[in-house]
Protein backbone atom coordinates (compact mmCIF):
# COMPACT_ATOMS: atom_id res chain seq x y z
CA MET A 1 -22.51 3.99 -14.27
CA VAL A 2 -23.47 7.41 -14.87
CA GLY A 3 -24.42 9.34 -11.90
CA ARG A 4 -23.37 6.80 -9.04
CA LYS A 5 -20.83 7.22 -6.30
CA ILE A 6 -18.01 5.75 -5.51
CA ARG A 7 -17.52 4.99 -1.93
CA ALA A 8 -14.89 2.89 -1.56
CA VAL A 9 -12.10 0.93 -3.57
CA ALA A 10 -9.64 -2.26 -3.48
CA ALA A 11 -7.22 -2.75 -5.49
CA GLN A 12 -4.43 -6.19 -5.95
CA ASP A 13 -1.54 -4.39 -7.49
CA PRO A 14 -0.67 -1.09 -6.34
CA GLN A 15 1.84 -0.71 -9.44
CA ARG A 16 -0.85 -1.48 -12.06
CA CYS A 17 -3.47 0.68 -10.28
CA ARG A 18 -2.69 4.09 -9.05
CA GLY A 19 -4.25 6.43 -7.08
CA LEU A 20 -7.42 4.81 -7.03
CA SER A 21 -7.62 6.59 -3.97
CA GLN A 22 -8.08 9.72 -5.07
CA ALA A 23 -11.67 8.54 -6.57
CA VAL A 24 -13.41 7.89 -3.48
CA GLY A 25 -16.11 9.88 -2.69
CA HIS A 26 -16.63 11.07 -6.32
CA THR A 27 -19.07 10.69 -8.45
CA ILE A 28 -19.22 9.03 -12.19
CA GLY A 29 -20.12 12.28 -14.44
CA ALA A 30 -19.94 10.80 -18.04
CA LEU A 31 -18.10 7.68 -19.80
CA ASN A 32 -15.68 8.27 -22.72
CA ARG A 33 -13.06 6.01 -24.82
CA ARG A 34 -10.14 6.87 -26.46
CA GLY A 35 -8.56 3.91 -28.06
CA LYS A 36 -8.27 1.31 -25.96
CA TYR A 37 -8.80 3.63 -23.24
CA LEU A 38 -12.05 3.88 -20.92
CA LEU A 39 -12.55 7.44 -19.47
CA PHE A 40 -14.80 7.97 -16.29
CA ASP A 41 -15.37 11.37 -15.69
CA LEU A 42 -14.82 12.31 -11.73
CA GLY A 43 -15.22 16.08 -12.30
CA ASP A 44 -11.57 17.14 -11.57
CA ARG A 45 -10.27 13.66 -11.74
CA HIS A 46 -10.60 10.88 -14.64
CA LEU A 47 -10.16 7.34 -13.71
CA VAL A 48 -9.10 5.69 -16.60
CA VAL A 49 -9.05 1.90 -17.70
CA HIS A 50 -7.34 -0.02 -19.68
CA LEU A 51 -8.05 -3.66 -19.89
CA GLY A 52 -4.85 -5.12 -21.19
CA MET A 53 -4.86 -8.41 -23.01
CA THR A 54 -7.42 -10.31 -20.71
CA GLY A 55 -9.03 -7.59 -18.80
CA GLN A 56 -12.84 -7.34 -18.36
CA LEU A 57 -14.85 -4.86 -16.56
CA ALA A 58 -18.90 -5.90 -14.89
CA PHE A 59 -20.75 -4.44 -13.07
CA GLN A 60 -22.40 -6.85 -10.28
CA PRO A 61 -24.86 -6.47 -7.38
CA VAL A 62 -22.96 -7.92 -4.83
CA LEU A 63 -19.07 -8.30 -4.58
CA PRO A 64 -17.90 -11.25 -6.48
CA THR A 65 -15.35 -13.88 -5.37
CA HIS A 66 -13.27 -14.78 -8.06
CA ARG A 67 -9.50 -15.90 -9.01
CA HIS A 68 -8.50 -13.23 -11.28
CA LEU A 69 -10.60 -10.60 -9.40
CA ARG A 70 -7.85 -7.42 -9.34
CA VAL A 71 -9.91 -4.50 -8.39
CA ALA A 72 -13.03 -3.85 -7.04
CA LEU A 73 -14.93 -0.22 -6.70
CA GLU A 74 -17.88 -0.09 -4.16
CA LEU A 75 -20.18 2.40 -5.99
CA ASP A 76 -23.62 3.35 -3.82
CA ARG A 77 -24.91 0.60 -5.85
CA GLY A 78 -23.45 -2.69 -6.54
CA TYR A 79 -19.79 -2.62 -7.66
CA LEU A 80 -17.21 -1.82 -10.89
CA VAL A 81 -14.70 -4.95 -10.78
CA LEU A 82 -12.21 -5.88 -12.55
CA PHE A 83 -11.13 -9.05 -13.66
CA ASP A 84 -8.25 -9.89 -15.42
CA GLN A 85 -6.14 -13.20 -15.56
CA ARG A 86 -3.01 -12.06 -17.26
CA ARG A 87 -2.73 -9.12 -14.59
CA PHE A 88 -1.65 -6.59 -17.95
CA GLY A 89 -4.85 -4.10 -17.33
CA LYS A 90 -4.50 -1.06 -15.35
CA MET A 91 -6.86 1.54 -13.69
CA VAL A 92 -5.19 5.18 -13.13
CA VAL A 93 -6.98 8.13 -11.41
CA THR A 94 -5.05 11.27 -12.73
CA ALA A 95 -5.90 15.00 -13.95
CA PRO A 96 -8.29 15.43 -16.83
CA GLY A 97 -5.34 16.13 -20.15
CA GLU A 98 -2.77 15.02 -17.77
CA TYR A 99 -1.48 11.19 -19.16
CA GLY A 100 2.06 11.55 -18.10
CA PRO A 101 1.64 8.31 -16.44
CA LEU A 102 -0.30 6.63 -19.62
CA PRO A 103 2.05 7.91 -22.12
CA THR A 104 0.31 5.66 -24.96
CA LEU A 105 -3.31 7.47 -23.98
CA ALA A 106 -1.23 10.87 -24.16
CA ARG A 107 -0.42 10.65 -27.49
CA LEU A 108 -2.86 8.83 -30.00
CA GLY A 109 -3.88 9.27 -33.01
CA PRO A 110 -7.51 9.49 -34.38
CA GLU A 111 -10.19 7.48 -33.69
CA PRO A 112 -10.48 5.06 -37.27
CA LEU A 113 -14.20 6.15 -37.43
CA SER A 114 -13.91 10.23 -36.59
CA PRO A 115 -14.15 12.36 -38.75
CA GLU A 116 -10.36 13.18 -37.45
CA PHE A 117 -8.84 10.28 -39.37
CA ARG A 118 -8.53 11.72 -42.56
CA PRO A 119 -6.85 10.48 -45.92
CA GLY A 120 -4.27 12.96 -46.58
CA PRO A 121 -2.57 12.68 -43.13
CA PHE A 122 -2.92 8.99 -43.04
CA ALA A 123 -1.14 9.03 -46.64
CA GLN A 124 1.74 10.77 -45.30
CA ALA A 125 2.39 9.01 -42.28
CA VAL A 126 2.64 5.72 -43.75
CA ALA A 127 4.73 7.23 -46.61
CA LYS A 128 7.54 7.61 -43.99
CA ALA A 129 7.49 4.07 -42.58
CA ALA A 130 9.91 1.64 -42.10
CA LYS A 131 7.26 -1.30 -41.78
CA ILE A 132 3.72 -0.80 -41.47
CA LYS A 133 2.01 -3.49 -39.47
CA PRO A 134 4.42 -1.85 -36.30
CA LEU A 135 3.38 1.87 -36.91
CA LEU A 136 -0.08 0.63 -36.85
CA LEU A 137 0.39 -0.75 -33.69
CA SER A 138 2.15 2.31 -32.06
CA GLN A 139 -1.13 4.29 -32.00
CA ARG A 140 0.35 7.30 -33.22
CA VAL A 141 -1.50 7.48 -36.68
CA VAL A 142 -4.90 5.71 -35.75
CA ALA A 143 -5.99 5.04 -32.15
CA GLY A 144 -7.17 1.74 -30.97
CA LEU A 145 -5.85 -1.22 -33.74
CA GLY A 146 -4.27 -3.93 -31.90
CA ASN A 147 -2.56 -6.87 -33.35
CA ILE A 148 -6.23 -8.94 -34.47
CA TYR A 149 -7.49 -5.89 -36.27
CA ALA A 150 -4.00 -4.82 -37.87
CA ASP A 151 -3.33 -8.20 -39.70
CA GLU A 152 -7.10 -8.25 -40.91
CA ALA A 153 -6.95 -4.87 -42.07
CA LEU A 154 -3.52 -5.16 -44.04
CA PHE A 155 -4.90 -8.59 -45.48
CA ARG A 156 -7.85 -6.30 -46.45
CA ALA A 157 -5.84 -3.76 -48.18
CA LYS A 158 -3.24 -6.60 -49.73
CA ILE A 159 -0.35 -4.93 -48.02
CA HIS A 160 2.45 -7.49 -46.30
CA PRO A 161 2.94 -6.40 -42.35
CA ALA A 162 6.78 -5.85 -43.11
CA GLN A 163 6.03 -3.60 -46.13
CA GLY A 164 7.81 0.15 -45.82
CA ARG A 165 7.07 3.83 -47.27
CA LEU A 166 3.39 2.85 -48.76
CA ASN A 167 3.04 4.78 -51.84
CA GLN A 168 -0.75 6.40 -52.58
CA ARG A 169 -2.78 3.87 -53.95
CA GLN A 170 -1.87 1.59 -50.94
CA ALA A 171 -2.08 4.05 -48.06
CA GLU A 172 -5.92 4.94 -49.57
CA GLN A 173 -6.91 0.97 -49.67
CA LEU A 174 -5.30 0.70 -46.08
CA PHE A 175 -7.47 3.64 -44.63
CA GLU A 176 -10.62 2.58 -45.79
CA ALA A 177 -9.91 -1.33 -44.53
CA ILE A 178 -9.26 0.08 -41.26
CA ARG A 179 -12.26 1.59 -41.37
CA GLN A 180 -13.38 -1.44 -42.39
CA VAL A 181 -12.12 -3.72 -40.25
CA VAL A 182 -13.23 -1.88 -37.48
CA ALA A 183 -16.70 -1.36 -38.18
CA GLN A 184 -17.30 -4.88 -38.95
CA ALA A 185 -15.95 -5.71 -35.51
CA ILE A 186 -18.08 -3.14 -33.77
CA SER A 187 -20.97 -4.66 -35.49
CA HIS A 188 -20.44 -8.40 -34.18
CA ARG A 189 -19.46 -6.92 -30.36
CA GLY A 190 -15.64 -8.05 -30.54
CA THR A 191 -13.80 -10.81 -30.58
CA THR A 192 -13.27 -13.26 -28.23
CA LEU A 193 -10.69 -16.09 -28.74
CA ARG A 194 -9.65 -18.63 -26.06
CA ASP A 195 -6.18 -16.98 -25.34
CA ARG A 196 -7.73 -13.17 -25.56
CA LYS A 197 -11.13 -13.64 -23.46
CA TYR A 198 -12.85 -10.83 -23.79
CA LEU A 199 -16.29 -10.19 -23.26
CA ASP A 200 -18.74 -7.15 -22.85
CA PRO A 201 -20.12 -5.69 -19.66
CA GLU A 202 -22.62 -8.22 -19.16
CA ARG A 203 -20.28 -10.93 -19.64
CA GLN A 204 -21.06 -12.19 -22.53
CA PRO A 205 -18.65 -12.77 -25.38
CA GLY A 206 -18.45 -11.26 -29.06
CA GLU A 207 -18.78 -13.01 -32.40
CA ASN A 208 -16.16 -11.05 -34.57
CA GLN A 209 -13.94 -14.16 -34.18
CA HIS A 210 -16.41 -16.22 -36.84
CA PHE A 211 -15.32 -13.73 -39.15
CA LEU A 212 -11.46 -13.38 -38.91
CA GLN A 213 -9.35 -14.14 -42.43
CA VAL A 214 -6.53 -14.37 -41.78
CA PHE A 215 -5.70 -13.95 -37.59
CA GLN A 216 -4.58 -17.34 -35.90
CA ARG A 217 -5.53 -18.92 -39.01
CA ALA A 218 -1.62 -20.26 -39.63
CA GLY A 219 -1.23 -23.01 -42.42
CA GLU A 220 -5.07 -22.62 -43.22
CA PRO A 221 -5.93 -21.62 -46.93
CA CYS A 222 -6.91 -18.23 -47.69
CA VAL A 223 -9.91 -17.49 -48.21
CA VAL A 224 -9.59 -15.11 -51.28
CA CYS A 225 -6.51 -17.38 -53.20
CA GLY A 226 -6.12 -21.02 -51.06
CA THR A 227 -2.50 -19.95 -50.28
CA ALA A 228 -1.58 -21.46 -46.80
CA ILE A 229 -1.67 -18.32 -44.64
CA GLN A 230 1.60 -17.96 -43.11
CA LYS A 231 2.74 -16.72 -39.82
CA ILE A 232 5.87 -14.58 -38.52
CA ARG A 233 6.92 -12.52 -35.80
CA LEU A 234 7.31 -8.99 -36.95
CA GLY A 235 8.09 -6.30 -33.57
CA GLY A 236 7.53 -8.91 -31.16
CA ARG A 237 4.30 -9.34 -32.00
CA GLY A 238 2.66 -13.17 -33.81
CA THR A 239 1.47 -11.49 -37.47
CA HIS A 240 -0.84 -13.42 -40.14
CA PHE A 241 -1.07 -13.21 -43.81
CA CYS A 242 -1.57 -14.64 -47.42
CA PRO A 243 1.99 -14.73 -49.23
CA SER A 244 0.11 -14.88 -52.43
CA CYS A 245 -2.43 -11.77 -51.64
CA GLN A 246 0.33 -9.83 -49.64
CA PRO A 247 3.42 -9.80 -51.44
CA LEU A 248 6.17 -7.74 -50.00
CA ARG A 249 7.62 -5.29 -52.79
CA PRO A 250 10.82 -6.20 -54.08
CA THR A 251 12.70 -3.00 -52.68
CA ALA A 252 11.54 -3.64 -49.17
CA HIS A 253 12.52 -6.47 -47.09
CA LEU A 254 11.57 -8.39 -43.88
CA ALA A 255 13.26 -6.44 -41.02
CA ARG A 256 15.53 -7.62 -38.59
CA GLY A 257 14.37 -9.70 -36.00
CA THR A 258 11.26 -10.97 -38.18
CA THR A 259 10.96 -14.75 -38.43
CA ARG A 260 8.44 -17.62 -39.40
CA GLU A 261 6.98 -19.86 -37.08
């Protein structure tokens, strides 16, 4: 993409794709990422892309015909297109750093594999958590951790998803687990599930789904102890854990709105 000029844009949903006409005539100078947001540097503008749950970003030499095609950017050579079955993806053009239309991006925490992600500040944040999993999903204490990897990291750290007020030992275990889970997912080129159709820019699926230990394994035996994996809803999200490996501390309770499925 770097060095290609944007000649024209077309988008189906103006509510989720805002300001794209401002990208016309600009050349892509660099590509960056924050959390799950992709940042295309256009000089005095940023083209910000979020894939949502089912978005697929791809380069195509000719404009494709596809029922899930939502956005097409005509370049001086080829097309940058966004396919999105469930329509949660976004494309927004904004001034660099002015992310008012994207409040989650504006308040993102540090990247999990960066030097800015440090045990001390992380431990301070999770010591105050009412429920640890919703805090992880908020993106404020660490960037880019979604539903799948939050479940996997909590399992690896042996922490119940509804646990609150983590102590120092738990915080240290979770800190390391987050880094390990994210690194593993990257090494396996991402997670591709039937209802989350992640594909890479060459439209190839990832392989990390074969290494998940709890996510979407409700009723199956735990890989560590053999206890059946349970699924609950926590903060509106399906949540998977092992009740034996991840016991809830006696002083904490499942939050209101947490139900078994």
